[in-house]
Amino acid sequence: MNDHPALATRAAPGREVHCADAIPWMQARGRIAGACAVTSLPDVSEVGLTLPVWRAWFLDAVRLVVEAVPDESAALFFQSDIKRDGRWIDKGALVIRAAEDAGAHVLFHKIVCRRPPGLLTMGRPGYTHLIAVSRAMKCPDALPIPDIVADAGRQPWVRAMGVRAAAHAVRFALDHARARTVFDPFCGVGTVLAVANALGVDALGVEKSRKRCEQSRLLAVAPGEL
C-alpha cells in the first residue's frame, strides 16, 4: 500500500508529453522551474550514431538535463553499461564526468539489479546505475534508498526502468528536491511519468518516437506496485 504524503495533498496530477527530439527541445525550453529530472538516456544502439559521435552526444545530453532543472534541484539518471565492438562503456562514469563539467556534483550513486544477483548475463549487464547530481543540493544525511536495489519492480518495456526503482527516484525528487514537476526528457513508454502521477506529482516528458509517446500518455502504475 502506498502511503506517500503527496497523495494526501495532490489530486489528479497532470501529465504533459511532447513528441519531439529531446536535445533541441531542451535547448529551446531552458530551465524548468520547480522541476527535478529523472531519466535514462538512450545508448548507441538506439540513436543510430557511431560510438565516438554517440559519446559526445551523450555527454552533451547529460549537460542539458542538468541545466534543465534549478540549481537547488537535482537530476537523476538510470544508466546501464554496454559492450560495443569489444569495448566496455561505463555510462555511469560518463554521467558523472558530464555532470561535473556542467558544475554539478554527485549526491549519491546506487545500483539497481535488473536480474537476480549471482546470475551470469549475456550482452547488457544485469545492473543499472542510479546516479543523482545537483549544482547546489547536498546529499541528505538520511537517505532511504538502499545502496543495492534488489527488486526494480515491473518493467513496462524491455528498456524501461522498473517501477519500484523509479519510485525511489521520484520520492527523492519529492522529499529532498521539493519538486513540483518530475521531468523525463527521454521518457520512452512513460514509466517515470506514470510513477510520478501515482505519487501525486505532475510529470513532464519528451519522447521522439510517436508510438512510445502515445504509450507514455496512457501508462498507469498501481500504488501497490510501488
C-alpha atoms as a PDB file:
ATOM      1  CA  MET A   1       0.000   0.000   0.000  1.00  0.00           C
ATOM      2  CA  ASN A   2       1.446   3.380  -0.976  1.00  0.00           C
ATOM      3  CA  ASP A   3       1.163   5.986   1.796  1.00  0.00           C
ATOM      4  CA  HIS A   4       3.377   8.791   0.481  1.00  0.00           C
ATOM      5  CA  PRO A   5       2.122  12.108   1.963  1.00  0.00           C
ATOM      6  CA  ALA A   6       1.912  13.678  -1.504  1.00  0.00           C
ATOM      7  CA  LEU A   7      -1.151  11.546  -2.158  1.00  0.00           C
ATOM      8  CA  ALA A   8      -2.983  13.292   0.652  1.00  0.00           C
ATOM      9  CA  THR A   9      -2.324  16.765  -0.729  1.00  0.00           C
ATOM     10  CA  ARG A  10      -2.364  16.368  -4.516  1.00  0.00           C
ATOM     11  CA  ALA A  11      -5.365  15.298  -6.569  1.00  0.00           C
ATOM     12  CA  ALA A  12      -5.308  14.402 -10.261  1.00  0.00           C
ATOM     13  CA  PRO A  13      -1.687  15.341 -11.046  1.00  0.00           C
ATOM     14  CA  GLY A  14      -1.046  16.397 -14.615  1.00  0.00           C
ATOM     15  CA  ARG A  15       0.977  14.690 -17.321  1.00  0.00           C
ATOM     16  CA  GLU A  16       2.369  16.586 -20.313  1.00  0.00           C
ATOM     17  CA  VAL A  17       4.170  14.663 -23.068  1.00  0.00           C
ATOM     18  CA  HIS A  18       5.852  16.258 -26.079  1.00  0.00           C
ATOM     19  CA  CYS A  19       6.608  14.246 -29.208  1.00  0.00           C
ATOM     20  CA  ALA A  20       9.971  15.765 -30.094  1.00  0.00           C
ATOM     21  CA  ASP A  21      13.730  15.312 -30.196  1.00  0.00           C
ATOM     22  CA  ALA A  22      14.803  15.968 -26.596  1.00  0.00           C
ATOM     23  CA  ILE A  23      18.058  17.784 -27.430  1.00  0.00           C
ATOM     24  CA  PRO A  24      16.630  20.741 -29.393  1.00  0.00           C
ATOM     25  CA  TRP A  25      13.560  20.705 -27.138  1.00  0.00           C
ATOM     26  CA  MET A  26      15.683  21.244 -24.024  1.00  0.00           C
ATOM     27  CA  GLN A  27      17.821  23.827 -25.799  1.00  0.00           C
ATOM     28  CA  ALA A  28      14.697  25.804 -26.691  1.00  0.00           C
ATOM     29  CA  ARG A  29      12.880  25.338 -23.361  1.00  0.00           C
ATOM     30  CA  GLY A  30      15.704  26.230 -20.999  1.00  0.00           C
ATOM     31  CA  ARG A  31      15.380  25.835 -17.252  1.00  0.00           C
ATOM     32  CA  ILE A  32      12.117  24.373 -15.932  1.00  0.00           C
ATOM     33  CA  ALA A  33      11.010  25.984 -12.679  1.00  0.00           C
ATOM     34  CA  GLY A  34      10.210  23.549  -9.867  1.00  0.00           C
ATOM     35  CA  ALA A  35      11.420  20.509 -11.797  1.00  0.00           C
ATOM     36  CA  CYS A  36      13.574  17.550 -10.840  1.00  0.00           C
ATOM     37  CA  ALA A  37      14.814  15.352 -13.690  1.00  0.00           C
ATOM     38  CA  VAL A  38      14.539  11.568 -13.589  1.00  0.00           C
ATOM     39  CA  THR A  39      15.597   9.946 -16.831  1.00  0.00           C
ATOM     40  CA  SER A  40      17.545   7.311 -18.756  1.00  0.00           C
ATOM     41  CA  LEU A  41      19.496   8.395 -21.831  1.00  0.00           C
ATOM     42  CA  PRO A  42      19.484   6.080 -24.861  1.00  0.00           C
ATOM     43  CA  ASP A  43      22.583   4.093 -25.706  1.00  0.00           C
ATOM     44  CA  VAL A  44      24.401   3.957 -29.036  1.00  0.00           C
ATOM     45  CA  SER A  45      22.194   1.194 -30.485  1.00  0.00           C
ATOM     46  CA  GLU A  46      19.091   3.357 -30.061  1.00  0.00           C
ATOM     47  CA  VAL A  47      20.238   6.563 -31.729  1.00  0.00           C
ATOM     48  CA  GLY A  48      21.970   5.241 -34.861  1.00  0.00           C
ATOM     49  CA  LEU A  49      25.295   7.030 -34.300  1.00  0.00           C
ATOM     50  CA  THR A  50      28.877   5.838 -34.396  1.00  0.00           C
ATOM     51  CA  LEU A  51      30.397   5.211 -30.978  1.00  0.00           C
ATOM     52  CA  PRO A  52      32.550   8.386 -30.897  1.00  0.00           C
ATOM     53  CA  VAL A  53      29.644  10.561 -32.088  1.00  0.00           C
ATOM     54  CA  TRP A  54      27.256   8.952 -29.595  1.00  0.00           C
ATOM     55  CA  ARG A  55      29.742   9.502 -26.766  1.00  0.00           C
ATOM     56  CA  ALA A  56      29.867  13.235 -27.494  1.00  0.00           C
ATOM     57  CA  TRP A  57      26.073  13.291 -27.892  1.00  0.00           C
ATOM     58  CA  PHE A  58      25.626  11.521 -24.539  1.00  0.00           C
ATOM     59  CA  LEU A  59      27.888  13.945 -22.675  1.00  0.00           C
ATOM     60  CA  ASP A  60      26.053  16.914 -24.160  1.00  0.00           C
ATOM     61  CA  ALA A  61      22.658  15.388 -23.327  1.00  0.00           C
ATOM     62  CA  VAL A  62      23.637  14.915 -19.669  1.00  0.00           C
ATOM     63  CA  ARG A  63      24.740  18.550 -19.520  1.00  0.00           C
ATOM     64  CA  LEU A  64      21.409  19.713 -20.948  1.00  0.00           C
ATOM     65  CA  VAL A  65      19.449  17.632 -18.432  1.00  0.00           C
ATOM     66  CA  VAL A  66      21.470  19.090 -15.544  1.00  0.00           C
ATOM     67  CA  GLU A  67      20.923  22.605 -16.884  1.00  0.00           C
ATOM     68  CA  ALA A  68      17.170  21.995 -17.351  1.00  0.00           C
ATOM     69  CA  VAL A  69      16.490  21.949 -13.598  1.00  0.00           C
ATOM     70  CA  PRO A  70      17.056  24.668 -10.968  1.00  0.00           C
ATOM     71  CA  ASP A  71      20.426  24.750  -9.192  1.00  0.00           C
ATOM     72  CA  GLU A  72      18.830  23.710  -5.901  1.00  0.00           C
ATOM     73  CA  SER A  73      17.101  20.731  -7.523  1.00  0.00           C
ATOM     74  CA  ALA A  74      18.646  17.528  -8.902  1.00  0.00           C
ATOM     75  CA  ALA A  75      18.935  15.300 -11.954  1.00  0.00           C
ATOM     76  CA  LEU A  76      18.727  11.534 -11.506  1.00  0.00           C
ATOM     77  CA  PHE A  77      19.998   9.149 -14.173  1.00  0.00           C
ATOM     78  CA  PHE A  78      19.322   5.433 -14.648  1.00  0.00           C
ATOM     79  CA  GLN A  79      22.049   4.088 -16.949  1.00  0.00           C
ATOM     80  CA  SER A  80      23.103   0.536 -17.828  1.00  0.00           C
ATOM     81  CA  ASP A  81      26.631  -0.103 -19.081  1.00  0.00           C
ATOM     82  CA  ILE A  82      27.069  -1.599 -22.545  1.00  0.00           C
ATOM     83  CA  LYS A  83      29.573  -3.552 -24.608  1.00  0.00           C
ATOM     84  CA  ARG A  84      30.224  -2.290 -28.109  1.00  0.00           C
ATOM     85  CA  ASP A  85      32.783  -3.586 -30.615  1.00  0.00           C
ATOM     86  CA  GLY A  86      34.723  -5.305 -27.857  1.00  0.00           C
ATOM     87  CA  ARG A  87      34.711  -2.206 -25.645  1.00  0.00           C
ATOM     88  CA  TRP A  88      33.123  -1.760 -22.232  1.00  0.00           C
ATOM     89  CA  ILE A  89      31.226   1.538 -21.957  1.00  0.00           C
ATOM     90  CA  ASP A  90      30.696   2.684 -18.369  1.00  0.00           C
ATOM     91  CA  LYS A  91      27.739   5.039 -18.713  1.00  0.00           C
ATOM     92  CA  GLY A  92      27.756   5.796 -15.003  1.00  0.00           C
ATOM     93  CA  ALA A  93      31.241   7.270 -15.384  1.00  0.00           C
ATOM     94  CA  LEU A  94      30.078   9.281 -18.402  1.00  0.00           C
ATOM     95  CA  VAL A  95      27.171  10.733 -16.410  1.00  0.00           C
ATOM     96  CA  ILE A  96      29.460  11.804 -13.581  1.00  0.00           C
ATOM     97  CA  ARG A  97      32.014  13.332 -15.955  1.00  0.00           C
ATOM     98  CA  ALA A  98      29.406  15.328 -17.869  1.00  0.00           C
ATOM     99  CA  ALA A  99      27.620  16.427 -14.687  1.00  0.00           C
ATOM    100  CA  GLU A 100      30.854  17.696 -13.145  1.00  0.00           C
ATOM    101  CA  ASP A 101      31.669  19.551 -16.372  1.00  0.00           C
ATOM    102  CA  ALA A 102      28.236  21.200 -16.008  1.00  0.00           C
ATOM    103  CA  GLY A 103      29.093  22.361 -12.487  1.00  0.00           C
ATOM    104  CA  ALA A 104      27.212  19.618 -10.622  1.00  0.00           C
ATOM    105  CA  HIS A 105      28.380  17.132  -8.011  1.00  0.00           C
ATOM    106  CA  VAL A 106      27.242  13.610  -7.135  1.00  0.00           C
ATOM    107  CA  LEU A 107      24.613  13.308  -4.404  1.00  0.00           C
ATOM    108  CA  PHE A 108      24.513   9.522  -4.436  1.00  0.00           C
ATOM    109  CA  HIS A 109      25.332   6.523  -6.609  1.00  0.00           C
ATOM    110  CA  LYS A 110      23.225   3.373  -6.195  1.00  0.00           C
ATOM    111  CA  ILE A 111      22.964   0.083  -8.077  1.00  0.00           C
ATOM    112  CA  VAL A 112      19.656  -1.343  -9.308  1.00  0.00           C
ATOM    113  CA  CYS A 113      19.523  -5.069 -10.095  1.00  0.00           C
ATOM    114  CA  ARG A 114      17.896  -5.865 -13.415  1.00  0.00           C
ATOM    115  CA  ARG A 115      18.460  -9.593 -12.864  1.00  0.00           C
ATOM    116  CA  PRO A 116      18.735 -11.579  -9.607  1.00  0.00           C
ATOM    117  CA  PRO A 117      22.234 -11.273  -8.112  1.00  0.00           C
ATOM    118  CA  GLY A 118      24.580 -14.153  -8.919  1.00  0.00           C
ATOM    119  CA  LEU A 119      23.303 -14.828 -12.437  1.00  0.00           C
ATOM    120  CA  LEU A 120      25.593 -14.772 -15.451  1.00  0.00           C
ATOM    121  CA  THR A 121      24.182 -12.464 -18.125  1.00  0.00           C
ATOM    122  CA  MET A 122      24.988 -12.076 -21.806  1.00  0.00           C
ATOM    123  CA  GLY A 123      25.221  -8.706 -23.517  1.00  0.00           C
ATOM    124  CA  ARG A 124      23.752  -5.999 -21.281  1.00  0.00           C
ATOM    125  CA  PRO A 125      24.820  -6.160 -17.620  1.00  0.00           C
ATOM    126  CA  GLY A 126      22.306  -7.281 -15.028  1.00  0.00           C
ATOM    127  CA  TYR A 127      22.505  -3.967 -13.176  1.00  0.00           C
ATOM    128  CA  THR A 128      21.791  -0.272 -13.698  1.00  0.00           C
ATOM    129  CA  HIS A 129      23.484   2.776 -12.184  1.00  0.00           C
ATOM    130  CA  LEU A 130      21.191   5.197 -10.334  1.00  0.00           C
ATOM    131  CA  ILE A 131      23.111   8.464 -10.009  1.00  0.00           C
ATOM    132  CA  ALA A 132      21.799  11.737  -8.605  1.00  0.00           C
ATOM    133  CA  VAL A 133      23.632  15.012  -9.245  1.00  0.00           C
ATOM    134  CA  SER A 134      22.995  18.634  -8.326  1.00  0.00           C
ATOM    135  CA  ARG A 135      24.691  22.003  -8.544  1.00  0.00           C
ATOM    136  CA  ALA A 136      23.547  23.253  -5.126  1.00  0.00           C
ATOM    137  CA  MET A 137      21.915  20.446  -3.106  1.00  0.00           C
ATOM    138  CA  LYS A 138      23.844  18.470  -0.514  1.00  0.00           C
ATOM    139  CA  CYS A 139      23.428  14.756  -0.008  1.00  0.00           C
ATOM    140  CA  PRO A 140      20.915  14.162   2.808  1.00  0.00           C
ATOM    141  CA  ASP A 141      22.320  12.570   5.968  1.00  0.00           C
ATOM    142  CA  ALA A 142      19.476  10.047   5.938  1.00  0.00           C
ATOM    143  CA  LEU A 143      18.599   8.668   2.521  1.00  0.00           C
ATOM    144  CA  PRO A 144      16.013   5.840   2.481  1.00  0.00           C
ATOM    145  CA  ILE A 145      17.327   4.266  -0.728  1.00  0.00           C
ATOM    146  CA  PRO A 146      19.373   1.066  -0.322  1.00  0.00           C
ATOM    147  CA  ASP A 147      22.835   1.001  -1.878  1.00  0.00           C
ATOM    148  CA  ILE A 148      21.694  -2.017  -3.907  1.00  0.00           C
ATOM    149  CA  VAL A 149      18.064  -2.009  -5.036  1.00  0.00           C
ATOM    150  CA  ALA A 150      17.458  -5.736  -5.380  1.00  0.00           C
ATOM    151  CA  ASP A 151      13.896  -5.522  -6.749  1.00  0.00           C
ATOM    152  CA  ALA A 152      13.450  -2.993  -9.546  1.00  0.00           C
ATOM    153  CA  GLY A 153       9.781  -3.874  -9.965  1.00  0.00           C
ATOM    154  CA  ARG A 154       7.769  -4.362 -13.125  1.00  0.00           C
ATOM    155  CA  GLN A 155       9.367  -3.200 -16.369  1.00  0.00           C
ATOM    156  CA  PRO A 156       6.634  -1.853 -18.696  1.00  0.00           C
ATOM    157  CA  TRP A 157       9.091  -2.150 -21.618  1.00  0.00           C
ATOM    158  CA  VAL A 158      12.290  -4.135 -22.145  1.00  0.00           C
ATOM    159  CA  ARG A 159      14.405  -0.949 -21.988  1.00  0.00           C
ATOM    160  CA  ALA A 160      12.378   0.687 -19.232  1.00  0.00           C
ATOM    161  CA  MET A 161      13.440   1.023 -15.620  1.00  0.00           C
ATOM    162  CA  GLY A 162      11.372  -0.911 -13.110  1.00  0.00           C
ATOM    163  CA  VAL A 163       8.516   0.900 -11.417  1.00  0.00           C
ATOM    164  CA  ARG A 164       9.878   0.336  -7.882  1.00  0.00           C
ATOM    165  CA  ALA A 165      13.281   1.688  -8.856  1.00  0.00           C
ATOM    166  CA  ALA A 166      11.634   4.690 -10.482  1.00  0.00           C
ATOM    167  CA  ALA A 167       9.602   5.230  -7.310  1.00  0.00           C
ATOM    168  CA  HIS A 168      12.814   5.555  -5.271  1.00  0.00           C
ATOM    169  CA  ALA A 169      13.943   8.332  -7.608  1.00  0.00           C
ATOM    170  CA  VAL A 170      10.588  10.117  -7.657  1.00  0.00           C
ATOM    171  CA  ARG A 171      10.293  10.023  -3.861  1.00  0.00           C
ATOM    172  CA  PHE A 172      13.742  11.630  -3.672  1.00  0.00           C
ATOM    173  CA  ALA A 173      12.511  14.316  -6.074  1.00  0.00           C
ATOM    174  CA  LEU A 174       9.512  14.992  -3.829  1.00  0.00           C
ATOM    175  CA  ASP A 175      11.065  14.700  -0.387  1.00  0.00           C
ATOM    176  CA  HIS A 176      14.511  16.208  -0.962  1.00  0.00           C
ATOM    177  CA  ALA A 177      14.429  18.240  -4.187  1.00  0.00           C
ATOM    178  CA  ARG A 178      10.919  19.538  -3.297  1.00  0.00           C
ATOM    179  CA  ALA A 179       9.932  19.082  -6.929  1.00  0.00           C
ATOM    180  CA  ARG A 180       6.583  20.267  -8.231  1.00  0.00           C
ATOM    181  CA  THR A 181       7.234  18.520 -11.543  1.00  0.00           C
ATOM    182  CA  VAL A 182       9.175  15.376 -12.443  1.00  0.00           C
ATOM    183  CA  PHE A 183      10.853  15.834 -15.824  1.00  0.00           C
ATOM    184  CA  ASP A 184      11.908  12.966 -18.104  1.00  0.00           C
ATOM    185  CA  PRO A 185      13.297  14.179 -21.462  1.00  0.00           C
ATOM    186  CA  PHE A 186      13.735  10.598 -22.748  1.00  0.00           C
ATOM    187  CA  CYS A 187      10.528   9.195 -21.331  1.00  0.00           C
ATOM    188  CA  GLY A 188      10.086   6.118 -23.546  1.00  0.00           C
ATOM    189  CA  VAL A 189       6.802   4.421 -22.665  1.00  0.00           C
ATOM    190  CA  GLY A 190       6.351   6.708 -19.648  1.00  0.00           C
ATOM    191  CA  THR A 191       7.432   4.693 -16.613  1.00  0.00           C
ATOM    192  CA  VAL A 192       8.765   7.724 -14.715  1.00  0.00           C
ATOM    193  CA  LEU A 193       5.749   9.828 -15.684  1.00  0.00           C
ATOM    194  CA  ALA A 194       3.293   7.180 -14.515  1.00  0.00           C
ATOM    195  CA  VAL A 195       5.153   6.678 -11.230  1.00  0.00           C
ATOM    196  CA  ALA A 196       5.260  10.444 -10.642  1.00  0.00           C
ATOM    197  CA  ASN A 197       1.498  10.689 -11.158  1.00  0.00           C
ATOM    198  CA  ALA A 198       0.917   7.692  -8.877  1.00  0.00           C
ATOM    199  CA  LEU A 199       2.883   9.536  -6.175  1.00  0.00           C
ATOM    200  CA  GLY A 200       0.820  12.680  -6.659  1.00  0.00           C
ATOM    201  CA  VAL A 201       3.134  14.967  -8.625  1.00  0.00           C
ATOM    202  CA  ASP A 202       2.930  16.483 -12.113  1.00  0.00           C
ATOM    203  CA  ALA A 203       5.009  14.886 -14.861  1.00  0.00           C
ATOM    204  CA  LEU A 204       6.606  16.357 -17.984  1.00  0.00           C
ATOM    205  CA  GLY A 205       8.064  14.104 -20.674  1.00  0.00           C
ATOM    206  CA  VAL A 206       9.639  14.252 -24.111  1.00  0.00           C
ATOM    207  CA  GLU A 207       9.797  11.294 -26.490  1.00  0.00           C
ATOM    208  CA  LYS A 208      10.898  11.180 -30.128  1.00  0.00           C
ATOM    209  CA  SER A 209       9.012   8.002 -31.094  1.00  0.00           C
ATOM    210  CA  ARG A 210       5.372   8.774 -31.861  1.00  0.00           C
ATOM    211  CA  LYS A 211       4.281   5.276 -30.819  1.00  0.00           C
ATOM    212  CA  ARG A 212       6.066   5.403 -27.468  1.00  0.00           C
ATOM    213  CA  CYS A 213       4.874   8.974 -26.987  1.00  0.00           C
ATOM    214  CA  GLU A 214       1.268   7.789 -27.167  1.00  0.00           C
ATOM    215  CA  GLN A 215       2.050   4.892 -24.807  1.00  0.00           C
ATOM    216  CA  SER A 216       3.633   7.283 -22.338  1.00  0.00           C
ATOM    217  CA  ARG A 217       0.453   9.336 -22.189  1.00  0.00           C
ATOM    218  CA  LEU A 218      -1.597   6.280 -21.222  1.00  0.00           C
ATOM    219  CA  LEU A 219       0.653   4.161 -18.999  1.00  0.00           C
ATOM    220  CA  ALA A 220      -0.680   3.753 -15.466  1.00  0.00           C
ATOM    221  CA  VAL A 221       1.005   2.360 -12.375  1.00  0.00           C
ATOM    222  CA  ALA A 222      -0.974   0.977  -9.449  1.00  0.00           C
ATOM    223  CA  PRO A 223       0.017   2.236  -5.973  1.00  0.00           C
ATOM    224  CA  GLY A 224       0.603  -1.364  -4.877  1.00  0.00           C
ATOM    225  CA  GLU A 225       3.400  -1.716  -7.450  1.00  0.00           C
ATOM    226  CA  LEU A 226       5.488   0.968  -5.768  1.00  0.00           C
END
